[in-house]
Amino acid sequence: MTRVSSFGHQQVMLSSLLRNQEKVFDNQMTVTTGKKELHYSGLASEVDTLLGAKNTLLRTQSYLNSTDYVERQLSTNDIQLDALFTNAENVRDTVLNAIAMEETFSLEEALNDAFTSMISALNTRIGGVYIFSGARTDVPPVNASDLTDLVAAAAATDLFENDNRIPTAKIGQNTEMEYGILADDVAGDIFTAMKNLADFDAGAFGPIDGQLTPVQRTFLEGELSTLESAIDTIQLVIARNGNRQQSLENTMNQHLEGEAFLKVFISDIEDADIAEAITNLENNQVALQASYQITSQLSQLSLLNYI
């Protein structure tokens, strides 16, 4: 006679059902999170590698944030330096035209327009921070409003309020870059040249307006070299800023490549194959449904079925 152990069969099927439930739950979590494991313990053999890669990724992203900030600063520098250069050229061209024509009717106006535009450029702020003030970011680097302030100053350099600390940023593990420009470094020479012109215009041999006197012509010819030298100084700062932009772009591209590689590397370790995870989930759901059905049928078995 065949014997049927209802309790034994039920225990076996119940254990199988619980295992299938656990597999379905794990598959659901994999599909939901996209991760192979919910805890590092499930990746025991690769935890050190994974954590090291994640730390490197965080550092790389931090450097990218830093390069983004420096890039904005350098781009702003470029715009304002171009304004300085253009205004300096306007002053020089006005002097050249006066010498060529031996008369001028706009020197003082040209000086004032150029000077106020330069002040505006040098007193540029980003987020409330003066970018040409060095470390004194809450103080405008040029303490003047128009040409009368330049004439009133004992020396052009007295108008500058910036300190001597050039802002720098760490853009790589062993790389720091100066991104700041000091107002007196870039504009000290041109302010001095313009003060020479403004002082002469306001002095005993001025104003320089209308037909030039021999003294005025000689003076303007002598000041051309000073103006050219001041313009060369601005061009040098512009070139230096451009070189920094190029270097920064190269560094930024390296960080972007490193970030992309690390993301793929980390993904290969901890991210699941979603298509495979969905297939496993569907298969295990079928197995779980079968376990429910068999367990239900087994619970209804009785010896009466065999009598």
Protein backbone atom coordinates (compact mmCIF):
# COMPACT_ATOMS: atom_id res chain seq x y z
CA MET A 1 0.00 0.00 0.00
CA THR A 2 1.39 3.49 -0.96
CA ARG A 3 1.71 5.89 1.96
CA VAL A 4 1.21 9.61 1.64
CA SER A 5 2.96 12.00 4.15
CA SER A 6 0.96 15.23 3.90
CA PHE A 7 3.06 17.09 6.47
CA GLY A 8 6.38 16.21 4.81
CA HIS A 9 5.20 17.25 1.39
CA GLN A 10 3.80 20.48 2.71
CA GLN A 11 7.09 21.37 4.40
CA VAL A 12 9.07 20.71 1.22
CA MET A 13 6.69 22.77 -0.92
CA LEU A 14 6.53 25.57 1.64
CA SER A 15 10.34 25.83 1.65
CA SER A 16 10.33 25.92 -2.15
CA LEU A 17 7.64 28.61 -2.14
CA LEU A 18 9.63 30.78 0.28
CA ARG A 19 12.76 30.44 -1.85
CA ASN A 20 10.81 31.47 -4.92
CA GLN A 21 9.35 34.44 -3.05
CA GLU A 22 12.85 35.53 -2.05
CA LYS A 23 14.07 35.24 -5.65
CA VAL A 24 11.13 37.30 -6.95
CA PHE A 25 11.76 39.95 -4.29
CA ASP A 26 15.46 40.12 -5.19
CA ASN A 27 14.61 40.36 -8.90
CA GLN A 28 12.10 43.13 -8.23
CA MET A 29 14.69 45.10 -6.25
CA THR A 30 17.26 44.61 -9.03
CA VAL A 31 14.82 45.90 -11.66
CA THR A 32 13.75 48.82 -9.44
CA THR A 33 17.22 49.96 -8.35
CA GLY A 34 19.19 48.85 -11.39
CA LYS A 35 21.86 47.47 -9.04
CA LYS A 36 23.18 43.94 -8.81
CA GLU A 37 23.29 44.10 -5.01
CA LEU A 38 21.67 46.33 -2.40
CA HIS A 39 24.62 46.09 -0.01
CA TYR A 40 28.38 46.12 -0.48
CA SER A 41 28.53 42.70 1.18
CA GLY A 42 27.10 41.24 -2.01
CA LEU A 43 30.12 42.57 -3.91
CA ALA A 44 32.68 41.41 -1.39
CA SER A 45 35.42 40.55 -3.90
CA GLU A 46 35.18 43.95 -5.64
CA VAL A 47 34.32 46.32 -2.79
CA ASP A 48 37.79 47.85 -2.52
CA THR A 49 37.98 48.42 -6.26
CA LEU A 50 34.48 49.90 -6.36
CA LEU A 51 35.03 52.27 -3.42
CA GLY A 52 38.35 53.40 -4.86
CA ALA A 53 36.74 54.14 -8.21
CA LYS A 54 33.90 56.08 -6.55
CA ASN A 55 36.33 58.19 -4.52
CA THR A 56 38.31 58.97 -7.66
CA LEU A 57 35.09 59.90 -9.46
CA LEU A 58 34.12 62.29 -6.66
CA ARG A 59 37.53 63.98 -6.84
CA THR A 60 37.29 64.24 -10.62
CA GLN A 61 33.83 65.80 -10.40
CA SER A 62 35.11 68.22 -7.76
CA TYR A 63 37.90 69.29 -10.13
CA LEU A 64 35.33 69.67 -12.92
CA ASN A 65 33.29 72.01 -10.72
CA SER A 66 36.45 73.98 -10.04
CA THR A 67 37.35 74.20 -13.74
CA ASP A 68 33.81 75.36 -14.55
CA TYR A 69 34.19 78.18 -12.03
CA VAL A 70 37.63 79.17 -13.31
CA GLU A 71 36.38 79.06 -16.92
CA ARG A 72 33.66 81.58 -16.09
CA GLN A 73 36.20 83.83 -14.40
CA LEU A 74 38.63 83.67 -17.32
CA SER A 75 35.85 84.34 -19.83
CA THR A 76 34.77 87.39 -17.84
CA ASN A 77 38.39 88.54 -17.69
CA ASP A 78 38.62 88.25 -21.44
CA ILE A 79 35.56 90.43 -22.02
CA GLN A 80 36.70 93.17 -19.65
CA LEU A 81 40.30 93.10 -20.86
CA ASP A 82 39.05 93.54 -24.40
CA ALA A 83 37.13 96.62 -23.23
CA LEU A 84 40.32 98.02 -21.66
CA PHE A 85 42.30 97.36 -24.82
CA THR A 86 39.70 98.98 -27.07
CA ASN A 87 39.52 102.12 -24.94
CA ALA A 88 43.30 102.38 -24.71
CA GLU A 89 43.50 102.15 -28.51
CA ASN A 90 40.85 104.86 -28.81
CA VAL A 91 42.97 107.22 -26.71
CA ARG A 92 46.08 106.46 -28.73
CA ASP A 93 44.20 106.93 -32.03
CA THR A 94 42.83 110.26 -30.81
CA VAL A 95 46.38 111.42 -30.05
CA LEU A 96 47.65 110.16 -33.41
CA ASN A 97 44.88 111.97 -35.25
CA ALA A 98 45.59 115.18 -33.34
CA ILE A 99 49.25 115.02 -34.27
CA ALA A 100 48.48 114.21 -37.91
CA MET A 101 45.93 117.03 -38.25
CA GLU A 102 47.73 119.37 -35.83
CA GLU A 103 44.44 120.05 -34.10
CA THR A 104 41.86 118.31 -31.93
CA PHE A 105 38.46 119.09 -30.54
CA SER A 106 37.80 115.87 -28.63
CA LEU A 107 40.85 114.90 -26.58
CA GLU A 108 39.35 115.65 -23.17
CA GLU A 109 36.09 113.99 -24.12
CA ALA A 110 37.89 110.93 -25.47
CA LEU A 111 39.97 110.69 -22.29
CA ASN A 112 36.93 110.94 -20.04
CA ASP A 113 34.88 108.42 -22.04
CA ALA A 114 37.77 105.95 -22.12
CA PHE A 115 38.56 106.40 -18.43
CA THR A 116 34.97 105.90 -17.22
CA SER A 117 34.62 102.81 -19.44
CA MET A 118 37.84 101.39 -18.01
CA ILE A 119 36.63 102.00 -14.47
CA SER A 120 33.41 100.16 -15.28
CA ALA A 121 35.35 97.20 -16.70
CA LEU A 122 37.78 97.00 -13.78
CA ASN A 123 35.00 97.30 -11.19
CA THR A 124 33.10 94.35 -12.68
CA ARG A 125 31.46 92.04 -10.15
CA ILE A 126 30.30 88.43 -10.36
CA GLY A 127 27.89 87.44 -7.62
CA GLY A 128 28.75 90.59 -5.71
CA VAL A 129 32.49 89.86 -5.88
CA TYR A 130 34.90 92.30 -7.54
CA ILE A 131 37.01 90.16 -9.87
CA PHE A 132 40.01 92.53 -10.23
CA SER A 133 40.46 93.27 -6.50
CA GLY A 134 42.59 90.29 -5.58
CA ALA A 135 41.59 89.01 -2.15
CA ARG A 136 39.70 92.24 -1.36
CA THR A 137 36.65 90.97 -3.21
CA ASP A 138 34.24 93.31 -1.37
CA VAL A 139 36.12 96.48 -2.36
CA PRO A 140 36.01 98.06 -5.85
CA PRO A 141 39.57 97.97 -7.22
CA VAL A 142 39.36 101.49 -8.71
CA ASN A 143 38.35 104.30 -6.37
CA ALA A 144 37.32 106.84 -9.00
CA SER A 145 34.32 107.81 -11.09
CA ASP A 146 35.60 110.08 -13.86
CA LEU A 147 38.58 112.01 -15.23
CA THR A 148 38.48 114.68 -12.51
CA ASP A 149 39.40 112.00 -9.94
CA LEU A 150 42.38 111.01 -12.06
CA VAL A 151 43.59 114.62 -12.29
CA ALA A 152 43.06 115.16 -8.56
CA ALA A 153 45.12 112.09 -7.60
CA ALA A 154 48.78 112.61 -6.75
CA ALA A 155 49.57 109.54 -8.86
CA ALA A 156 47.44 107.23 -10.98
CA THR A 157 48.39 104.29 -8.77
CA ASP A 158 46.68 105.99 -5.80
CA LEU A 159 43.31 105.15 -7.33
CA PHE A 160 43.80 101.39 -7.03
CA GLU A 161 42.40 99.61 -3.97
CA ASN A 162 43.21 96.00 -4.86
CA ASP A 163 45.74 93.97 -2.87
CA ASN A 164 48.53 91.80 -4.29
CA ARG A 165 46.98 88.35 -3.76
CA ILE A 166 46.05 86.76 -7.08
CA PRO A 167 43.14 84.28 -6.73
CA THR A 168 43.99 80.67 -7.57
CA ALA A 169 42.05 77.43 -7.77
CA LYS A 170 43.00 73.76 -7.63
CA ILE A 171 41.93 72.23 -10.94
CA GLY A 172 43.75 68.91 -10.65
CA GLN A 173 45.42 66.66 -8.13
CA ASN A 174 48.74 68.47 -8.51
CA THR A 175 47.61 71.48 -10.51
CA GLU A 176 46.68 74.97 -9.37
CA MET A 177 45.84 77.83 -11.72
CA GLU A 178 45.86 81.56 -11.20
CA TYR A 179 42.66 82.94 -12.68
CA GLY A 180 42.55 86.39 -11.10
CA ILE A 181 43.99 89.61 -12.52
CA LEU A 182 44.89 92.62 -10.41
CA ALA A 183 43.56 95.98 -11.55
CA ASP A 184 46.83 97.85 -11.05
CA ASP A 185 48.81 95.20 -12.95
CA VAL A 186 46.72 95.53 -16.09
CA ALA A 187 45.69 99.20 -15.92
CA GLY A 188 48.45 100.91 -13.97
CA ASP A 189 50.41 101.90 -17.10
CA ILE A 190 47.43 103.11 -19.11
CA PHE A 191 46.09 105.11 -16.16
CA THR A 192 49.50 106.75 -15.79
CA ALA A 193 49.60 107.60 -19.50
CA MET A 194 46.10 109.03 -19.38
CA LYS A 195 46.93 111.06 -16.27
CA ASN A 196 49.89 112.58 -18.09
CA LEU A 197 47.55 113.71 -20.86
CA ALA A 198 44.83 114.91 -18.48
CA ASP A 199 47.29 116.82 -16.27
CA PHE A 200 48.86 118.55 -19.27
CA ASP A 201 45.41 119.41 -20.63
CA ALA A 202 44.47 120.94 -17.28
CA GLY A 203 47.83 122.67 -16.83
CA ALA A 204 49.49 125.86 -18.01
CA PHE A 205 49.92 124.67 -21.61
CA GLY A 206 46.34 123.44 -21.95
CA PRO A 207 43.69 122.91 -22.80
CA ILE A 208 44.55 120.78 -25.81
CA ASP A 209 41.65 121.95 -27.93
CA GLY A 210 41.64 123.32 -31.46
CA GLN A 211 44.89 124.11 -33.24
CA LEU A 212 47.88 122.51 -31.53
CA THR A 213 50.72 124.69 -30.28
CA PRO A 214 54.29 123.52 -30.89
CA VAL A 215 54.57 122.64 -27.18
CA GLN A 216 51.35 120.62 -27.30
CA ARG A 217 52.43 118.78 -30.43
CA THR A 218 55.81 117.92 -28.94
CA PHE A 219 54.15 116.73 -25.75
CA LEU A 220 51.68 114.48 -27.59
CA GLU A 221 54.45 113.00 -29.73
CA GLY A 222 56.39 112.19 -26.59
CA GLU A 223 53.41 110.52 -24.95
CA LEU A 224 52.80 108.14 -27.85
CA SER A 225 55.52 105.76 -26.67
CA THR A 226 54.00 105.74 -23.17
CA LEU A 227 50.60 104.90 -24.62
CA GLU A 228 52.04 102.16 -26.83
CA SER A 229 53.85 100.62 -23.87
CA ALA A 230 50.65 100.69 -21.81
CA ILE A 231 48.73 99.01 -24.65
CA ASP A 232 51.47 96.35 -24.88
CA THR A 233 50.98 95.66 -21.17
CA ILE A 234 47.25 95.10 -21.67
CA GLN A 235 47.94 92.85 -24.67
CA LEU A 236 50.36 90.80 -22.60
CA VAL A 237 47.73 90.26 -19.90
CA ILE A 238 45.16 89.32 -22.56
CA ALA A 239 47.58 86.78 -24.04
CA ARG A 240 48.31 85.32 -20.61
CA ASN A 241 44.60 85.01 -19.90
CA GLY A 242 44.09 83.31 -23.28
CA ASN A 243 46.87 80.80 -22.54
CA ARG A 244 45.20 79.97 -19.25
CA GLN A 245 41.89 79.41 -21.04
CA GLN A 246 43.55 76.98 -23.46
CA SER A 247 45.33 75.14 -20.66
CA LEU A 248 42.11 74.99 -18.67
CA GLU A 249 40.20 73.57 -21.65
CA ASN A 250 42.77 70.78 -21.99
CA THR A 251 42.53 69.99 -18.28
CA MET A 252 38.73 70.04 -18.40
CA ASN A 253 38.70 67.61 -21.34
CA GLN A 254 40.97 65.24 -19.42
CA HIS A 255 38.64 65.34 -16.43
CA LEU A 256 35.59 64.73 -18.66
CA GLU A 257 37.27 61.71 -20.23
CA GLY A 258 38.22 60.42 -16.79
CA GLU A 259 34.69 60.94 -15.50
CA ALA A 260 33.18 59.05 -18.44
CA PHE A 261 35.60 56.13 -17.97
CA LEU A 262 34.99 55.91 -14.22
CA LYS A 263 31.21 55.95 -14.65
CA VAL A 264 31.41 53.02 -17.07
CA PHE A 265 33.89 51.21 -14.82
CA ILE A 266 31.64 51.60 -11.76
CA SER A 267 28.57 50.64 -13.74
CA ASP A 268 30.21 47.40 -14.87
CA ILE A 269 30.74 46.43 -11.24
CA GLU A 270 27.48 47.41 -9.58
CA ASP A 271 24.83 47.93 -12.26
CA ALA A 272 22.61 45.06 -13.34
CA ASP A 273 21.68 44.00 -16.86
CA ILE A 274 18.07 45.19 -16.76
CA ALA A 275 16.95 43.01 -19.67
CA GLU A 276 18.38 39.94 -17.96
CA ALA A 277 16.91 41.01 -14.61
CA ILE A 278 13.42 41.37 -16.14
CA THR A 279 13.71 37.91 -17.73
CA ASN A 280 14.75 36.37 -14.41
CA LEU A 281 11.89 38.15 -12.67
CA GLU A 282 9.34 36.79 -15.12
CA ASN A 283 10.74 33.25 -14.84
CA ASN A 284 10.78 33.35 -11.05
CA GLN A 285 7.24 34.77 -10.97
CA VAL A 286 6.11 31.75 -13.02
CA ALA A 287 7.92 29.44 -10.61
CA LEU A 288 6.36 31.22 -7.63
CA GLN A 289 2.88 30.92 -9.13
CA ALA A 290 3.49 27.20 -9.66
CA SER A 291 4.59 26.88 -6.04
CA TYR A 292 1.38 28.54 -4.89
CA GLN A 293 -0.72 26.18 -6.97
CA ILE A 294 1.08 23.02 -5.89
CA THR A 295 1.04 24.05 -2.24
CA SER A 296 -2.69 24.79 -2.49
CA GLN A 297 -3.35 21.39 -4.04
CA LEU A 298 -1.18 19.60 -1.51
CA SER A 299 -3.07 21.20 1.37
CA GLN A 300 -6.26 19.62 0.06
CA LEU A 301 -4.84 16.07 -0.12
CA SER A 302 -6.37 13.49 2.20
CA LEU A 303 -6.21 9.70 2.66
CA LEU A 304 -9.78 9.71 1.61
CA ASN A 305 -8.54 10.37 -1.93
CA TYR A 306 -6.92 6.94 -1.90
CA ILE A 307 -9.70 4.93 -0.25
